[in-house]
Amino acid sequence: CVASGSIFSIYVMGWYRQAPGKQRELVATITSGGSTKYADS
């Protein structure tokens, strides 16, 4: 995922997914410093 602009580095970024017929769910996030969180699945 490529972001435009020069502010990218200060923000938390995340990945979500949405399967057919289901709600969008959070998969993982990463902070500007590299700390990560994941869905249990």
ModelCIF file with pLDDT and N, C-alpha, C, O atoms, coordinates in Angstrom:
data_MODEL
#
_entry.id   MODEL 
#
_entity.id                         1 
_entity.type                       polymer 
_entity.pdbx_number_of_molecules   1 
#
_entity_poly.entity_id                      1 
_entity_poly.type                           'polypeptide(L)' 
_entity_poly.nstd_linkage                   no 
_entity_poly.nstd_monomer                   no 
_entity_poly.pdbx_seq_one_letter_code       CVASGSIFSIYVMGWYRQAPGKQRELVATITSGGSTKYADS 
_entity_poly.pdbx_seq_one_letter_code_can   CVASGSIFSIYVMGWYRQAPGKQRELVATITSGGSTKYADS 
_entity_poly.pdbx_strand_id                 A 
#
loop_
_entity_poly_seq.entity_id 
_entity_poly_seq.num 
_entity_poly_seq.mon_id 
_entity_poly_seq.hetero 
1 1  CYS n 
1 2  VAL n 
1 3  ALA n 
1 4  SER n 
1 5  GLY n 
1 6  SER n 
1 7  ILE n 
1 8  PHE n 
1 9  SER n 
1 10 ILE n 
1 11 TYR n 
1 12 VAL n 
1 13 MET n 
1 14 GLY n 
1 15 TRP n 
1 16 TYR n 
1 17 ARG n 
1 18 GLN n 
1 19 ALA n 
1 20 PRO n 
1 21 GLY n 
1 22 LYS n 
1 23 GLN n 
1 24 ARG n 
1 25 GLU n 
1 26 LEU n 
1 27 VAL n 
1 28 ALA n 
1 29 THR n 
1 30 ILE n 
1 31 THR n 
1 32 SER n 
1 33 GLY n 
1 34 GLY n 
1 35 SER n 
1 36 THR n 
1 37 LYS n 
1 38 TYR n 
1 39 ALA n 
1 40 ASP n 
1 41 SER n 
#
_struct_asym.id          A 
_struct_asym.entity_id   1 
#
loop_
_ma_qa_metric.id 
_ma_qa_metric.mode 
_ma_qa_metric.name 
_ma_qa_metric.software_group_id 
_ma_qa_metric.type 
1 global pLDDT . pLDDT 
2 local  pLDDT . pLDDT 
#
_ma_qa_metric_global.metric_id      1 
_ma_qa_metric_global.metric_value   92.46 
_ma_qa_metric_global.model_id       1 
_ma_qa_metric_global.ordinal_id     1 
#
loop_
_ma_qa_metric_local.label_asym_id 
_ma_qa_metric_local.label_comp_id 
_ma_qa_metric_local.label_seq_id 
_ma_qa_metric_local.metric_id 
_ma_qa_metric_local.metric_value 
_ma_qa_metric_local.model_id 
_ma_qa_metric_local.ordinal_id 
A CYS 1  2 97.00 1 1  
A VAL 2  2 96.00 1 2  
A ALA 3  2 93.00 1 3  
A SER 4  2 90.00 1 4  
A GLY 5  2 75.00 1 5  
A SER 6  2 68.00 1 6  
A ILE 7  2 76.00 1 7  
A PHE 8  2 78.00 1 8  
A SER 9  2 78.00 1 9  
A ILE 10 2 82.00 1 10 
A TYR 11 2 89.00 1 11 
A VAL 12 2 93.00 1 12 
A MET 13 2 95.00 1 13 
A GLY 14 2 96.00 1 14 
A TRP 15 2 98.00 1 15 
A TYR 16 2 98.00 1 16 
A ARG 17 2 98.00 1 17 
A GLN 18 2 98.00 1 18 
A ALA 19 2 97.00 1 19 
A PRO 20 2 92.00 1 20 
A GLY 21 2 94.00 1 21 
A LYS 22 2 96.00 1 22 
A GLN 23 2 97.00 1 23 
A ARG 24 2 96.00 1 24 
A GLU 25 2 96.00 1 25 
A LEU 26 2 96.00 1 26 
A VAL 27 2 97.00 1 27 
A ALA 28 2 98.00 1 28 
A THR 29 2 96.00 1 29 
A ILE 30 2 96.00 1 30 
A THR 31 2 94.00 1 31 
A SER 32 2 90.00 1 32 
A GLY 33 2 91.00 1 33 
A GLY 34 2 94.00 1 34 
A SER 35 2 96.00 1 35 
A THR 36 2 97.00 1 36 
A LYS 37 2 97.00 1 37 
A TYR 38 2 97.00 1 38 
A ALA 39 2 97.00 1 39 
A ASP 40 2 96.00 1 40 
A SER 41 2 93.00 1 41 
#
loop_
_atom_site.group_PDB 
_atom_site.id 
_atom_site.type_symbol 
_atom_site.label_atom_id 
_atom_site.label_alt_id 
_atom_site.label_comp_id 
_atom_site.label_asym_id 
_atom_site.label_entity_id 
_atom_site.label_seq_id 
_atom_site.pdbx_PDB_ins_code 
_atom_site.Cartn_x 
_atom_site.Cartn_y 
_atom_site.Cartn_z 
_atom_site.occupancy 
_atom_site.B_iso_or_equiv 
_atom_site.pdbx_formal_charge 
_atom_site.auth_seq_id 
_atom_site.auth_comp_id 
_atom_site.auth_asym_id 
_atom_site.auth_atom_id 
_atom_site.pdbx_PDB_model_num 
ATOM 1   N N  . CYS A 1 1  ? 0.871   -1.182  0.000  1.00 97.00 ? 1  CYS A N  1 
ATOM 2   C CA . CYS A 1 1  ? 0.000   0.000   0.000  1.00 97.00 ? 1  CYS A CA 1 
ATOM 3   C C  . CYS A 1 1  ? 0.903   1.226   0.000  1.00 97.00 ? 1  CYS A C  1 
ATOM 4   O O  . CYS A 1 1  ? 1.653   1.471   0.945  1.00 97.00 ? 1  CYS A O  1 
ATOM 5   N N  . VAL A 1 2  ? 0.811   1.985   -1.081 1.00 96.00 ? 2  VAL A N  1 
ATOM 6   C CA . VAL A 1 2  ? 1.625   3.192   -1.212 1.00 96.00 ? 2  VAL A CA 1 
ATOM 7   C C  . VAL A 1 2  ? 0.763   4.411   -0.923 1.00 96.00 ? 2  VAL A C  1 
ATOM 8   O O  . VAL A 1 2  ? -0.340  4.545   -1.454 1.00 96.00 ? 2  VAL A O  1 
ATOM 9   N N  . ALA A 1 3  ? 1.271   5.290   -0.084 1.00 93.00 ? 3  ALA A N  1 
ATOM 10  C CA . ALA A 1 3  ? 0.541   6.502   0.287  1.00 93.00 ? 3  ALA A CA 1 
ATOM 11  C C  . ALA A 1 3  ? 1.163   7.733   -0.346 1.00 93.00 ? 3  ALA A C  1 
ATOM 12  O O  . ALA A 1 3  ? 2.385   7.862   -0.423 1.00 93.00 ? 3  ALA A O  1 
ATOM 13  N N  . SER A 1 4  ? 0.309   8.629   -0.794 1.00 90.00 ? 4  SER A N  1 
ATOM 14  C CA . SER A 1 4  ? 0.801   9.895   -1.320 1.00 90.00 ? 4  SER A CA 1 
ATOM 15  C C  . SER A 1 4  ? 1.050   10.849  -0.158 1.00 90.00 ? 4  SER A C  1 
ATOM 16  O O  . SER A 1 4  ? 0.555   10.622  0.946  1.00 90.00 ? 4  SER A O  1 
ATOM 17  N N  . GLY A 1 5  ? 1.806   11.906  -0.395 1.00 75.00 ? 5  GLY A N  1 
ATOM 18  C CA . GLY A 1 5  ? 2.008   12.905  0.636  1.00 75.00 ? 5  GLY A CA 1 
ATOM 19  C C  . GLY A 1 5  ? 3.217   12.638  1.505  1.00 75.00 ? 5  GLY A C  1 
ATOM 20  O O  . GLY A 1 5  ? 3.802   11.556  1.466  1.00 75.00 ? 5  GLY A O  1 
ATOM 21  N N  . SER A 1 6  ? 3.579   13.622  2.280  1.00 68.00 ? 6  SER A N  1 
ATOM 22  C CA . SER A 1 6  ? 4.800   13.553  3.082  1.00 68.00 ? 6  SER A CA 1 
ATOM 23  C C  . SER A 1 6  ? 4.537   13.292  4.553  1.00 68.00 ? 6  SER A C  1 
ATOM 24  O O  . SER A 1 6  ? 5.459   13.347  5.367  1.00 68.00 ? 6  SER A O  1 
ATOM 25  N N  . ILE A 1 7  ? 3.276   13.006  4.910  1.00 76.00 ? 7  ILE A N  1 
ATOM 26  C CA . ILE A 1 7  ? 2.946   12.841  6.320  1.00 76.00 ? 7  ILE A CA 1 
ATOM 27  C C  . ILE A 1 7  ? 2.848   11.386  6.738  1.00 76.00 ? 7  ILE A C  1 
ATOM 28  O O  . ILE A 1 7  ? 2.533   11.085  7.890  1.00 76.00 ? 7  ILE A O  1 
ATOM 29  N N  . PHE A 1 8  ? 3.115   10.490  5.813  1.00 78.00 ? 8  PHE A N  1 
ATOM 30  C CA . PHE A 1 8  ? 2.914   9.055   6.037  1.00 78.00 ? 8  PHE A CA 1 
ATOM 31  C C  . PHE A 1 8  ? 3.575   8.577   7.316  1.00 78.00 ? 8  PHE A C  1 
ATOM 32  O O  . PHE A 1 8  ? 2.965   7.836   8.087  1.00 78.00 ? 8  PHE A O  1 
ATOM 33  N N  . SER A 1 9  ? 4.810   8.987   7.551  1.00 78.00 ? 9  SER A N  1 
ATOM 34  C CA . SER A 1 9  ? 5.617   8.383   8.605  1.00 78.00 ? 9  SER A CA 1 
ATOM 35  C C  . SER A 1 9  ? 5.073   8.621   10.015 1.00 78.00 ? 9  SER A C  1 
ATOM 36  O O  . SER A 1 9  ? 5.444   7.895   10.938 1.00 78.00 ? 9  SER A O  1 
ATOM 37  N N  . ILE A 1 10 ? 4.218   9.603   10.203 1.00 82.00 ? 10 ILE A N  1 
ATOM 38  C CA . ILE A 1 10 ? 3.768   9.908   11.561 1.00 82.00 ? 10 ILE A CA 1 
ATOM 39  C C  . ILE A 1 10 ? 2.486   9.191   11.937 1.00 82.00 ? 10 ILE A C  1 
ATOM 40  O O  . ILE A 1 10 ? 2.052   9.264   13.087 1.00 82.00 ? 10 ILE A O  1 
ATOM 41  N N  . TYR A 1 11 ? 1.878   8.507   10.998 1.00 89.00 ? 11 TYR A N  1 
ATOM 42  C CA . TYR A 1 11 ? 0.576   7.907   11.241 1.00 89.00 ? 11 TYR A CA 1 
ATOM 43  C C  . TYR A 1 11 ? 0.620   6.405   11.453 1.00 89.00 ? 11 TYR A C  1 
ATOM 44  O O  . TYR A 1 11 ? 1.489   5.698   10.941 1.00 89.00 ? 11 TYR A O  1 
ATOM 45  N N  . VAL A 1 12 ? -0.353  5.948   12.229 1.00 93.00 ? 12 VAL A N  1 
ATOM 46  C CA . VAL A 1 12 ? -0.614  4.513   12.316 1.00 93.00 ? 12 VAL A CA 1 
ATOM 47  C C  . VAL A 1 12 ? -1.232  4.071   10.992 1.00 93.00 ? 12 VAL A C  1 
ATOM 48  O O  . VAL A 1 12 ? -2.116  4.735   10.451 1.00 93.00 ? 12 VAL A O  1 
ATOM 49  N N  . MET A 1 13 ? -0.757  2.956   10.490 1.00 95.00 ? 13 MET A N  1 
ATOM 50  C CA . MET A 1 13 ? -1.307  2.378   9.271  1.00 95.00 ? 13 MET A CA 1 
ATOM 51  C C  . MET A 1 13 ? -1.908  1.023   9.600  1.00 95.00 ? 13 MET A C  1 
ATOM 52  O O  . MET A 1 13 ? -1.473  0.348   10.533 1.00 95.00 ? 13 MET A O  1 
ATOM 53  N N  . GLY A 1 14 ? -2.905  0.634   8.831  1.00 96.00 ? 14 GLY A N  1 
ATOM 54  C CA . GLY A 1 14 ? -3.544  -0.639  9.108  1.00 96.00 ? 14 GLY A CA 1 
ATOM 55  C C  . GLY A 1 14 ? -3.978  -1.356  7.852  1.00 96.00 ? 14 GLY A C  1 
ATOM 56  O O  . GLY A 1 14 ? -4.049  -0.774  6.770  1.00 96.00 ? 14 GLY A O  1 
ATOM 57  N N  . TRP A 1 15 ? -4.262  -2.614  8.018  1.00 98.00 ? 15 TRP A N  1 
ATOM 58  C CA . TRP A 1 15 ? -4.874  -3.447  6.977  1.00 98.00 ? 15 TRP A CA 1 
ATOM 59  C C  . TRP A 1 15 ? -6.178  -4.016  7.530  1.00 98.00 ? 15 TRP A C  1 
ATOM 60  O O  . TRP A 1 15 ? -6.230  -4.535  8.644  1.00 98.00 ? 15 TRP A O  1 
ATOM 61  N N  . TYR A 1 16 ? -7.218  -3.903  6.726  1.00 98.00 ? 16 TYR A N  1 
ATOM 62  C CA . TYR A 1 16 ? -8.515  -4.499  7.016  1.00 98.00 ? 16 TYR A CA 1 
ATOM 63  C C  . TYR A 1 16 ? -8.853  -5.457  5.883  1.00 98.00 ? 16 TYR A C  1 
ATOM 64  O O  . TYR A 1 16 ? -8.212  -5.445  4.832  1.00 98.00 ? 16 TYR A O  1 
ATOM 65  N N  . ARG A 1 17 ? -9.858  -6.278  6.106  1.00 98.00 ? 17 ARG A N  1 
ATOM 66  C CA . ARG A 1 17 ? -10.366 -7.118  5.027  1.00 98.00 ? 17 ARG A CA 1 
ATOM 67  C C  . ARG A 1 17 ? -11.870 -7.254  5.154  1.00 98.00 ? 17 ARG A C  1 
ATOM 68  O O  . ARG A 1 17 ? -12.439 -7.140  6.239  1.00 98.00 ? 17 ARG A O  1 
ATOM 69  N N  . GLN A 1 18 ? -12.495 -7.501  4.014  1.00 98.00 ? 18 GLN A N  1 
ATOM 70  C CA . GLN A 1 18 ? -13.944 -7.689  3.979  1.00 98.00 ? 18 GLN A CA 1 
ATOM 71  C C  . GLN A 1 18 ? -14.269 -8.850  3.054  1.00 98.00 ? 18 GLN A C  1 
ATOM 72  O O  . GLN A 1 18 ? -14.050 -8.792  1.845  1.00 98.00 ? 18 GLN A O  1 
ATOM 73  N N  . ALA A 1 19 ? -14.795 -9.896  3.657  1.00 97.00 ? 19 ALA A N  1 
ATOM 74  C CA . ALA A 1 19 ? -15.220 -11.067 2.896  1.00 97.00 ? 19 ALA A CA 1 
ATOM 75  C C  . ALA A 1 19 ? -16.661 -10.855 2.433  1.00 97.00 ? 19 ALA A C  1 
ATOM 76  O O  . ALA A 1 19 ? -17.392 -10.055 3.018  1.00 97.00 ? 19 ALA A O  1 
ATOM 77  N N  . PRO A 1 20 ? -17.065 -11.565 1.392  1.00 92.00 ? 20 PRO A N  1 
ATOM 78  C CA . PRO A 1 20 ? -18.440 -11.421 0.886  1.00 92.00 ? 20 PRO A CA 1 
ATOM 79  C C  . PRO A 1 20 ? -19.478 -11.672 1.966  1.00 92.00 ? 20 PRO A C  1 
ATOM 80  O O  . PRO A 1 20 ? -19.445 -12.701 2.641  1.00 92.00 ? 20 PRO A O  1 
ATOM 81  N N  . GLY A 1 21 ? -20.393 -10.738 2.128  1.00 94.00 ? 21 GLY A N  1 
ATOM 82  C CA . GLY A 1 21 ? -21.467 -10.896 3.093  1.00 94.00 ? 21 GLY A CA 1 
ATOM 83  C C  . GLY A 1 21 ? -21.074 -10.636 4.534  1.00 94.00 ? 21 GLY A C  1 
ATOM 84  O O  . GLY A 1 21 ? -21.872 -10.841 5.449  1.00 94.00 ? 21 GLY A O  1 
ATOM 85  N N  . LYS A 1 22 ? -19.845 -10.183 4.737  1.00 96.00 ? 22 LYS A N  1 
ATOM 86  C CA . LYS A 1 22 ? -19.376 -9.950  6.108  1.00 96.00 ? 22 LYS A CA 1 
ATOM 87  C C  . LYS A 1 22 ? -18.937 -8.503  6.281  1.00 96.00 ? 22 LYS A C  1 
ATOM 88  O O  . LYS A 1 22 ? -18.690 -7.781  5.315  1.00 96.00 ? 22 LYS A O  1 
ATOM 89  N N  . GLN A 1 23 ? -18.850 -8.108  7.542  1.00 97.00 ? 23 GLN A N  1 
ATOM 90  C CA . GLN A 1 23 ? -18.375 -6.761  7.841  1.00 97.00 ? 23 GLN A CA 1 
ATOM 91  C C  . GLN A 1 23 ? -16.860 -6.666  7.662  1.00 97.00 ? 23 GLN A C  1 
ATOM 92  O O  . GLN A 1 23 ? -16.137 -7.656  7.776  1.00 97.00 ? 23 GLN A O  1 
ATOM 93  N N  . ARG A 1 24 ? -16.408 -5.458  7.380  1.00 96.00 ? 24 ARG A N  1 
ATOM 94  C CA . ARG A 1 24 ? -14.976 -5.220  7.293  1.00 96.00 ? 24 ARG A CA 1 
ATOM 95  C C  . ARG A 1 24 ? -14.351 -5.425  8.673  1.00 96.00 ? 24 ARG A C  1 
ATOM 96  O O  . ARG A 1 24 ? -14.875 -4.942  9.677  1.00 96.00 ? 24 ARG A O  1 
ATOM 97  N N  . GLU A 1 25 ? -13.238 -6.139  8.714  1.00 96.00 ? 25 GLU A N  1 
ATOM 98  C CA . GLU A 1 25 ? -12.593 -6.425  9.989  1.00 96.00 ? 25 GLU A CA 1 
ATOM 99  C C  . GLU A 1 25 ? -11.130 -6.008  9.965  1.00 96.00 ? 25 GLU A C  1 
ATOM 100 O O  . GLU A 1 25 ? -10.467 -6.054  8.929  1.00 96.00 ? 25 GLU A O  1 
ATOM 101 N N  . LEU A 1 26 ? -10.648 -5.600  11.129 1.00 96.00 ? 26 LEU A N  1 
ATOM 102 C CA . LEU A 1 26 ? -9.262  -5.202  11.260 1.00 96.00 ? 26 LEU A CA 1 
ATOM 103 C C  . LEU A 1 26 ? -8.361  -6.428  11.259 1.00 96.00 ? 26 LEU A C  1 
ATOM 104 O O  . LEU A 1 26 ? -8.618  -7.405  11.963 1.00 96.00 ? 26 LEU A O  1 
ATOM 105 N N  . VAL A 1 27 ? -7.303  -6.364  10.460 1.00 97.00 ? 27 VAL A N  1 
ATOM 106 C CA . VAL A 1 27 ? -6.350  -7.472  10.374 1.00 97.00 ? 27 VAL A CA 1 
ATOM 107 C C  . VAL A 1 27 ? -5.095  -7.160  11.177 1.00 97.00 ? 27 VAL A C  1 
ATOM 108 O O  . VAL A 1 27 ? -4.649  -7.977  11.983 1.00 97.00 ? 27 VAL A O  1 
ATOM 109 N N  . ALA A 1 28 ? -4.521  -5.966  10.956 1.00 98.00 ? 28 ALA A N  1 
ATOM 110 C CA . ALA A 1 28 ? -3.266  -5.616  11.618 1.00 98.00 ? 28 ALA A CA 1 
ATOM 111 C C  . ALA A 1 28 ? -3.058  -4.111  11.554 1.00 98.00 ? 28 ALA A C  1 
ATOM 112 O O  . ALA A 1 28 ? -3.559  -3.428  10.660 1.00 98.00 ? 28 ALA A O  1 
ATOM 113 N N  . THR A 1 29 ? -2.304  -3.614  12.531 1.00 96.00 ? 29 THR A N  1 
ATOM 114 C CA . THR A 1 29 ? -1.914  -2.208  12.518 1.00 96.00 ? 29 THR A CA 1 
ATOM 115 C C  . THR A 1 29 ? -0.432  -2.085  12.857 1.00 96.00 ? 29 THR A C  1 
ATOM 116 O O  . THR A 1 29 ? 0.157   -2.976  13.470 1.00 96.00 ? 29 THR A O  1 
ATOM 117 N N  . ILE A 1 30 ? 0.156   -0.970  12.449 1.00 96.00 ? 30 ILE A N  1 
ATOM 118 C CA . ILE A 1 30 ? 1.546   -0.696  12.753 1.00 96.00 ? 30 ILE A CA 1 
ATOM 119 C C  . ILE A 1 30 ? 1.691   0.797   13.032 1.00 96.00 ? 30 ILE A C  1 
ATOM 120 O O  . ILE A 1 30 ? 1.204   1.638   12.276 1.00 96.00 ? 30 ILE A O  1 
ATOM 121 N N  . THR A 1 31 ? 2.373   1.107   14.135 1.00 94.00 ? 31 THR A N  1 
ATOM 122 C CA . THR A 1 31 ? 2.564   2.512   14.491 1.00 94.00 ? 31 THR A CA 1 
ATOM 123 C C  . THR A 1 31 ? 3.741   3.103   13.724 1.00 94.00 ? 31 THR A C  1 
ATOM 124 O O  . THR A 1 31 ? 4.458   2.398   13.014 1.00 94.00 ? 31 THR A O  1 
ATOM 125 N N  . SER A 1 32 ? 3.921   4.402   13.881 1.00 90.00 ? 32 SER A N  1 
ATOM 126 C CA . SER A 1 32 ? 5.047   5.057   13.221 1.00 90.00 ? 32 SER A CA 1 
ATOM 127 C C  . SER A 1 32 ? 6.379   4.493   13.692 1.00 90.00 ? 32 SER A C  1 
ATOM 128 O O  . SER A 1 32 ? 7.362   4.500   12.950 1.00 90.00 ? 32 SER A O  1 
ATOM 129 N N  . GLY A 1 33 ? 6.408   4.003   14.929 1.00 91.00 ? 33 GLY A N  1 
ATOM 130 C CA . GLY A 1 33 ? 7.639   3.427   15.473 1.00 91.00 ? 33 GLY A CA 1 
ATOM 131 C C  . GLY A 1 33 ? 7.820   1.947   15.203 1.00 91.00 ? 33 GLY A C  1 
ATOM 132 O O  . GLY A 1 33 ? 8.841   1.360   15.560 1.00 91.00 ? 33 GLY A O  1 
ATOM 133 N N  . GLY A 1 34 ? 6.818   1.345   14.566 1.00 94.00 ? 34 GLY A N  1 
ATOM 134 C CA . GLY A 1 34 ? 6.942   -0.056  14.186 1.00 94.00 ? 34 GLY A CA 1 
ATOM 135 C C  . GLY A 1 34 ? 6.271   -1.052  15.119 1.00 94.00 ? 34 GLY A C  1 
ATOM 136 O O  . GLY A 1 34 ? 6.411   -2.260  14.923 1.00 94.00 ? 34 GLY A O  1 
ATOM 137 N N  . SER A 1 35 ? 5.549   -0.582  16.125 1.00 96.00 ? 35 SER A N  1 
ATOM 138 C CA . SER A 1 35 ? 4.817   -1.509  16.985 1.00 96.00 ? 35 SER A CA 1 
ATOM 139 C C  . SER A 1 35 ? 3.615   -2.068  16.232 1.00 96.00 ? 35 SER A C  1 
ATOM 140 O O  . SER A 1 35 ? 2.919   -1.339  15.524 1.00 96.00 ? 35 SER A O  1 
ATOM 141 N N  . THR A 1 36 ? 3.380   -3.359  16.392 1.00 97.00 ? 36 THR A N  1 
ATOM 142 C CA . THR A 1 36 ? 2.337   -4.018  15.616 1.00 97.00 ? 36 THR A CA 1 
ATOM 143 C C  . THR A 1 36 ? 1.284   -4.683  16.502 1.00 97.00 ? 36 THR A C  1 
ATOM 144 O O  . THR A 1 36 ? 1.550   -5.065  17.642 1.00 97.00 ? 36 THR A O  1 
ATOM 145 N N  . LYS A 1 37 ? 0.090   -4.808  15.943 1.00 97.00 ? 37 LYS A N  1 
ATOM 146 C CA . LYS A 1 37 ? -1.010  -5.551  16.562 1.00 97.00 ? 37 LYS A CA 1 
ATOM 147 C C  . LYS A 1 37 ? -1.687  -6.363  15.470 1.00 97.00 ? 37 LYS A C  1 
ATOM 148 O O  . LYS A 1 37 ? -1.743  -5.948  14.312 1.00 97.00 ? 37 LYS A O  1 
ATOM 149 N N  . TYR A 1 38 ? -2.207  -7.541  15.860 1.00 97.00 ? 38 TYR A N  1 
ATOM 150 C CA . TYR A 1 38 ? -2.842  -8.434  14.898 1.00 97.00 ? 38 TYR A CA 1 
ATOM 151 C C  . TYR A 1 38 ? -4.154  -8.967  15.440 1.00 97.00 ? 38 TYR A C  1 
ATOM 152 O O  . TYR A 1 38 ? -4.330  -9.118  16.649 1.00 97.00 ? 38 TYR A O  1 
ATOM 153 N N  . ALA A 1 39 ? -5.065  -9.248  14.535 1.00 97.00 ? 39 ALA A N  1 
ATOM 154 C CA . ALA A 1 39 ? -6.255  -9.999  14.898 1.00 97.00 ? 39 ALA A CA 1 
ATOM 155 C C  . ALA A 1 39 ? -5.842  -11.415 15.260 1.00 97.00 ? 39 ALA A C  1 
ATOM 156 O O  . ALA A 1 39 ? -4.896  -11.960 14.691 1.00 97.00 ? 39 ALA A O  1 
ATOM 157 N N  . ASP A 1 40 ? -6.552  -12.006 16.206 1.00 96.00 ? 40 ASP A N  1 
ATOM 158 C CA . ASP A 1 40 ? -6.199  -13.363 16.646 1.00 96.00 ? 40 ASP A CA 1 
ATOM 159 C C  . ASP A 1 40 ? -6.212  -14.352 15.483 1.00 96.00 ? 40 ASP A C  1 
ATOM 160 O O  . ASP A 1 40 ? -5.424  -15.298 15.464 1.00 96.00 ? 40 ASP A O  1 
ATOM 161 N N  . SER A 1 41 ? -7.087  -14.142 14.532 1.00 93.00 ? 41 SER A N  1 
ATOM 162 C CA . SER A 1 41 ? -7.245  -15.096 13.439 1.00 93.00 ? 41 SER A CA 1 
ATOM 163 C C  . SER A 1 41 ? -6.058  -15.130 12.489 1.00 93.00 ? 41 SER A C  1 
ATOM 164 O O  . SER A 1 41 ? -6.062  -15.893 11.523 1.00 93.00 ? 41 SER A O  1 
#
